[in-house]
Amino acid sequence: MPGRCFKPTVTQSSRENKLNKQINKLDQKIETDAFTNELLNVNATNGAVWKFVTPFKKKTKSIPSLNEPADIDNTDLEKANFLAESLETVYSKPYYQS
């Protein structure tokens, strides 16, 4: 039947991708609405403006993911533990002559 065209079936991964996009859009909308609500509730007379603005003025330094031999450290706690262990290893008695 050479003239027939069939509609391709929707795969599971394309459904998952569509759901992920919807979730991301909803998440972004929730964050935007929360930020807008916070902006609307800032009161200029009681100093709340400066409490709101100060975090935006500070420069933050984020540590990128750290690659361990077994896994990748993403959270702040994992990164702190990794750095503590590596410094402990480097400055332990056999390696460090005081």
Protein backbone atom coordinates (compact mmCIF):
# COMPACT_ATOMS: atom_id res chain seq x y z
CA MET A 1 0.00 0.00 0.00
CA PRO A 2 2.39 2.66 -1.21
CA GLY A 3 0.06 5.69 -0.97
CA ARG A 4 -0.80 5.36 2.73
CA CYS A 5 0.58 7.75 5.34
CA PHE A 6 0.34 6.85 8.98
CA LYS A 7 0.41 9.29 11.84
CA PRO A 8 3.50 8.68 13.98
CA THR A 9 2.81 7.59 17.53
CA VAL A 10 3.77 9.81 20.42
CA THR A 11 6.62 8.28 22.34
CA GLN A 12 6.97 8.22 26.09
CA SER A 13 9.98 10.55 26.02
CA SER A 14 8.13 13.23 24.05
CA ARG A 15 5.29 13.10 26.60
CA GLU A 16 7.85 13.46 29.39
CA ASN A 17 9.50 16.39 27.60
CA LYS A 18 6.14 18.11 27.20
CA LEU A 19 5.34 17.60 30.89
CA ASN A 20 8.78 18.91 31.89
CA LYS A 21 8.22 22.05 29.84
CA GLN A 22 4.82 22.57 31.48
CA ILE A 23 6.33 22.08 34.94
CA ASN A 24 9.14 24.54 34.19
CA LYS A 25 6.65 27.15 32.93
CA LEU A 26 4.49 26.75 36.04
CA ASP A 27 7.54 26.94 38.30
CA GLN A 28 8.71 30.12 36.58
CA LYS A 29 5.22 31.62 36.90
CA ILE A 30 5.09 30.80 40.63
CA GLU A 31 8.51 32.38 41.20
CA THR A 32 7.57 35.48 39.19
CA ASP A 33 4.27 35.87 41.05
CA ALA A 34 6.00 35.48 44.43
CA PHE A 35 8.63 38.09 43.48
CA THR A 36 5.95 40.48 42.21
CA ASN A 37 3.97 40.03 45.41
CA GLU A 38 7.08 40.72 47.48
CA LEU A 39 7.81 43.86 45.44
CA LEU A 40 4.27 45.13 45.92
CA ASN A 41 4.46 44.62 49.69
CA VAL A 42 7.71 46.57 50.18
CA ASN A 43 7.04 49.63 52.31
CA ALA A 44 9.32 52.64 51.85
CA THR A 45 8.63 54.14 55.26
CA ASN A 46 9.86 51.36 57.55
CA GLY A 47 13.19 50.52 55.89
CA ALA A 48 11.94 47.37 54.18
CA VAL A 49 13.20 48.71 50.86
CA TRP A 50 16.82 48.43 52.00
CA LYS A 51 16.28 44.92 53.34
CA PHE A 52 14.87 44.00 49.95
CA VAL A 53 17.55 45.74 47.86
CA THR A 54 20.68 44.76 49.85
CA PRO A 55 20.92 41.13 48.62
CA PHE A 56 20.83 42.36 45.02
CA LYS A 57 23.73 44.73 45.65
CA LYS A 58 26.01 42.06 47.11
CA LYS A 59 28.17 40.09 44.74
CA THR A 60 27.89 36.37 45.28
CA LYS A 61 30.48 33.83 44.33
CA SER A 62 29.21 30.39 43.56
CA ILE A 63 31.49 27.39 43.61
CA PRO A 64 30.95 25.18 40.56
CA SER A 65 30.26 21.47 40.90
CA LEU A 66 33.20 19.53 42.29
CA ASN A 67 34.11 16.25 40.62
CA GLU A 68 35.12 13.50 42.98
CA PRO A 69 36.39 10.15 41.75
CA ALA A 70 33.10 8.48 42.72
CA ASP A 71 30.53 11.22 42.11
CA ILE A 72 29.85 14.93 41.55
CA ASP A 73 29.23 17.28 44.49
CA ASN A 74 26.52 19.84 43.78
CA THR A 75 25.12 21.00 47.13
CA ASP A 76 26.93 23.38 49.47
CA LEU A 77 27.21 20.68 52.15
CA GLU A 78 28.75 18.17 49.71
CA LYS A 79 31.21 20.80 48.47
CA ALA A 80 32.19 21.77 52.02
CA ASN A 81 32.77 18.13 52.98
CA PHE A 82 34.82 17.52 49.83
CA LEU A 83 37.01 20.57 50.48
CA ALA A 84 37.45 19.63 54.15
CA GLU A 85 38.50 16.09 53.24
CA SER A 86 40.89 17.24 50.54
CA LEU A 87 42.53 19.82 52.83
CA GLU A 88 42.77 17.22 55.58
CA THR A 89 44.48 14.83 53.16
CA VAL A 90 46.89 17.46 51.84
CA TYR A 91 47.90 18.79 55.25
CA SER A 92 48.06 15.50 57.16
CA LYS A 93 51.38 14.51 58.78
CA PRO A 94 52.86 12.23 56.09
CA TYR A 95 52.42 14.89 53.40
CA TYR A 96 53.07 18.05 55.36
CA GLN A 97 56.39 18.62 57.08
CA SER A 98 56.14 21.32 59.76
